Amino acid sequence: MFGVSPWQIMIILAVVVLLFGNRLPALARSLGQSLVEFKKGVKEIDDASTSQDSNQEH
């Protein structure tokens, strides 16, 4: 697409890991916690809308 070979991509990834390697675990942990919180929020909204729908039926 941009004329980037797989070797160039691997070199770029290696440089990124070397530069930001010590921060990657913290970044991954933060991303995981954010994803868990997002899923909780979506579930709460879904549960609220489901209970609201069931209350309207009665």
N, C-alpha and C. Protein backbone atom coordinates (compact mmCIF):
# COMPACT_ATOMS: atom_id res chain seq x y z
N MET A 1 0.83 -1.18 0.00
CA MET A 1 0.00 0.00 0.00
C MET A 1 0.88 1.25 0.00
N PHE A 2 1.79 1.36 0.95
CA PHE A 2 2.67 2.51 1.00
C PHE A 2 4.08 2.14 0.55
N GLY A 3 4.24 0.93 0.07
CA GLY A 3 5.55 0.48 -0.34
C GLY A 3 6.45 0.14 0.84
N VAL A 4 5.85 -0.29 1.95
CA VAL A 4 6.60 -0.65 3.14
C VAL A 4 6.70 -2.17 3.19
N SER A 5 7.93 -2.65 3.25
CA SER A 5 8.12 -4.10 3.27
C SER A 5 7.98 -4.63 4.70
N PRO A 6 7.77 -5.93 4.84
CA PRO A 6 7.66 -6.51 6.19
C PRO A 6 8.92 -6.27 7.03
N TRP A 7 10.10 -6.24 6.41
CA TRP A 7 11.34 -5.98 7.15
C TRP A 7 11.35 -4.57 7.72
N GLN A 8 10.86 -3.61 6.97
CA GLN A 8 10.81 -2.24 7.47
C GLN A 8 9.85 -2.11 8.64
N ILE A 9 8.74 -2.82 8.57
CA ILE A 9 7.78 -2.80 9.66
C ILE A 9 8.41 -3.41 10.91
N MET A 10 9.14 -4.52 10.75
CA MET A 10 9.79 -5.16 11.90
C MET A 10 10.84 -4.25 12.53
N ILE A 11 11.57 -3.52 11.70
CA ILE A 11 12.58 -2.59 12.22
C ILE A 11 11.91 -1.45 12.99
N ILE A 12 10.83 -0.93 12.45
CA ILE A 12 10.09 0.14 13.13
C ILE A 12 9.55 -0.36 14.47
N LEU A 13 8.99 -1.56 14.49
CA LEU A 13 8.48 -2.12 15.75
C LEU A 13 9.60 -2.33 16.76
N ALA A 14 10.77 -2.77 16.29
CA ALA A 14 11.90 -2.96 17.20
C ALA A 14 12.34 -1.63 17.80
N VAL A 15 12.36 -0.59 17.02
CA VAL A 15 12.74 0.74 17.53
C VAL A 15 11.71 1.23 18.54
N VAL A 16 10.43 1.01 18.26
CA VAL A 16 9.37 1.42 19.19
C VAL A 16 9.52 0.67 20.51
N VAL A 17 9.78 -0.63 20.44
CA VAL A 17 9.95 -1.41 21.67
C VAL A 17 11.17 -0.93 22.45
N LEU A 18 12.25 -0.62 21.75
CA LEU A 18 13.44 -0.14 22.44
C LEU A 18 13.21 1.22 23.10
N LEU A 19 12.47 2.09 22.43
CA LEU A 19 12.23 3.42 22.98
C LEU A 19 11.20 3.43 24.10
N PHE A 20 10.15 2.65 23.94
CA PHE A 20 9.03 2.69 24.87
C PHE A 20 8.84 1.39 25.64
N GLY A 21 9.80 0.51 25.62
CA GLY A 21 9.68 -0.81 26.23
C GLY A 21 9.35 -0.78 27.71
N ASN A 22 9.93 0.15 28.44
CA ASN A 22 9.66 0.19 29.88
C ASN A 22 8.25 0.71 30.17
N ARG A 23 7.63 1.40 29.26
CA ARG A 23 6.27 1.94 29.47
C ARG A 23 5.18 1.03 28.93
N LEU A 24 5.53 0.05 28.12
CA LEU A 24 4.52 -0.80 27.48
C LEU A 24 3.69 -1.60 28.48
N PRO A 25 4.26 -2.22 29.52
CA PRO A 25 3.42 -2.96 30.46
C PRO A 25 2.39 -2.07 31.16
N ALA A 26 2.79 -0.89 31.56
CA ALA A 26 1.85 0.03 32.21
C ALA A 26 0.77 0.48 31.23
N LEU A 27 1.16 0.70 30.00
CA LEU A 27 0.19 1.10 28.99
C LEU A 27 -0.81 -0.02 28.72
N ALA A 28 -0.32 -1.25 28.63
CA ALA A 28 -1.20 -2.39 28.39
C ALA A 28 -2.15 -2.60 29.57
N ARG A 29 -1.64 -2.45 30.79
CA ARG A 29 -2.46 -2.60 31.99
C ARG A 29 -3.56 -1.54 32.01
N SER A 30 -3.20 -0.32 31.69
CA SER A 30 -4.17 0.77 31.66
C SER A 30 -5.23 0.55 30.60
N LEU A 31 -4.79 0.08 29.45
CA LEU A 31 -5.73 -0.21 28.36
C LEU A 31 -6.69 -1.32 28.77
N GLY A 32 -6.18 -2.36 29.44
CA GLY A 32 -7.03 -3.46 29.90
C GLY A 32 -8.05 -2.99 30.91
N GLN A 33 -7.64 -2.16 31.86
CA GLN A 33 -8.57 -1.64 32.86
C GLN A 33 -9.63 -0.76 32.22
N SER A 34 -9.25 0.01 31.23
CA SER A 34 -10.21 0.85 30.52
C SER A 34 -11.23 0.01 29.79
N LEU A 35 -10.78 -1.08 29.20
CA LEU A 35 -11.68 -1.97 28.48
C LEU A 35 -12.67 -2.63 29.44
N VAL A 36 -12.19 -3.05 30.61
CA VAL A 36 -13.07 -3.66 31.61
C VAL A 36 -14.13 -2.66 32.06
N GLU A 37 -13.72 -1.43 32.33
CA GLU A 37 -14.67 -0.39 32.76
C GLU A 37 -15.69 -0.09 31.66
N PHE A 38 -15.24 -0.08 30.42
CA PHE A 38 -16.15 0.18 29.30
C PHE A 38 -17.19 -0.93 29.21
N LYS A 39 -16.74 -2.18 29.34
CA LYS A 39 -17.68 -3.31 29.27
C LYS A 39 -18.69 -3.26 30.42
N LYS A 40 -18.23 -2.86 31.62
CA LYS A 40 -19.15 -2.73 32.75
C LYS A 40 -20.20 -1.67 32.45
N GLY A 41 -19.78 -0.55 31.89
CA GLY A 41 -20.72 0.52 31.56
C GLY A 41 -21.73 0.09 30.52
N VAL A 42 -21.28 -0.63 29.51
CA VAL A 42 -22.20 -1.11 28.47
C VAL A 42 -23.19 -2.10 29.06
N LYS A 43 -22.71 -2.97 29.94
CA LYS A 43 -23.59 -3.95 30.57
C LYS A 43 -24.63 -3.26 31.45
N GLU A 44 -24.21 -2.24 32.20
CA GLU A 44 -25.15 -1.51 33.05
C GLU A 44 -26.23 -0.82 32.21
N ILE A 45 -25.83 -0.23 31.11
CA ILE A 45 -26.80 0.43 30.23
C ILE A 45 -27.75 -0.60 29.65
N ASP A 46 -27.22 -1.74 29.23
CA ASP A 46 -28.05 -2.80 28.65
C ASP A 46 -29.02 -3.35 29.70
N ASP A 47 -28.52 -3.56 30.93
CA ASP A 47 -29.39 -4.05 32.00
C ASP A 47 -30.48 -3.03 32.33
N ALA A 48 -30.12 -1.75 32.35
CA ALA A 48 -31.10 -0.71 32.66
C ALA A 48 -32.18 -0.63 31.58
N SER A 49 -31.77 -0.74 30.33
CA SER A 49 -32.76 -0.67 29.25
C SER A 49 -33.62 -1.92 29.23
N THR A 50 -33.05 -3.08 29.58
CA THR A 50 -33.82 -4.31 29.62
C THR A 50 -34.83 -4.27 30.75
N SER A 51 -34.42 -3.80 31.93
CA SER A 51 -35.35 -3.72 33.06
C SER A 51 -36.42 -2.67 32.79
N GLN A 52 -36.06 -1.61 32.11
CA GLN A 52 -37.04 -0.58 31.78
C GLN A 52 -38.06 -1.12 30.79
N ASP A 53 -37.61 -1.91 29.81
CA ASP A 53 -38.51 -2.52 28.84
C ASP A 53 -39.45 -3.50 29.53
N SER A 54 -38.95 -4.29 30.47
CA SER A 54 -39.79 -5.27 31.16
C SER A 54 -40.79 -4.58 32.07
N ASN A 55 -40.43 -3.42 32.64
CA ASN A 55 -41.36 -2.68 33.48
C ASN A 55 -42.48 -2.07 32.65
N GLN A 56 -42.24 -1.70 31.45
CA GLN A 56 -43.26 -1.11 30.58
C GLN A 56 -44.25 -2.15 30.09
N GLU A 57 -43.85 -3.40 30.03
CA GLU A 57 -44.73 -4.46 29.55
C GLU A 57 -45.81 -4.78 30.57
N HIS A 58 -45.54 -4.60 31.87
CA HIS A 58 -46.49 -4.97 32.90
C HIS A 58 -47.43 -3.88 33.18
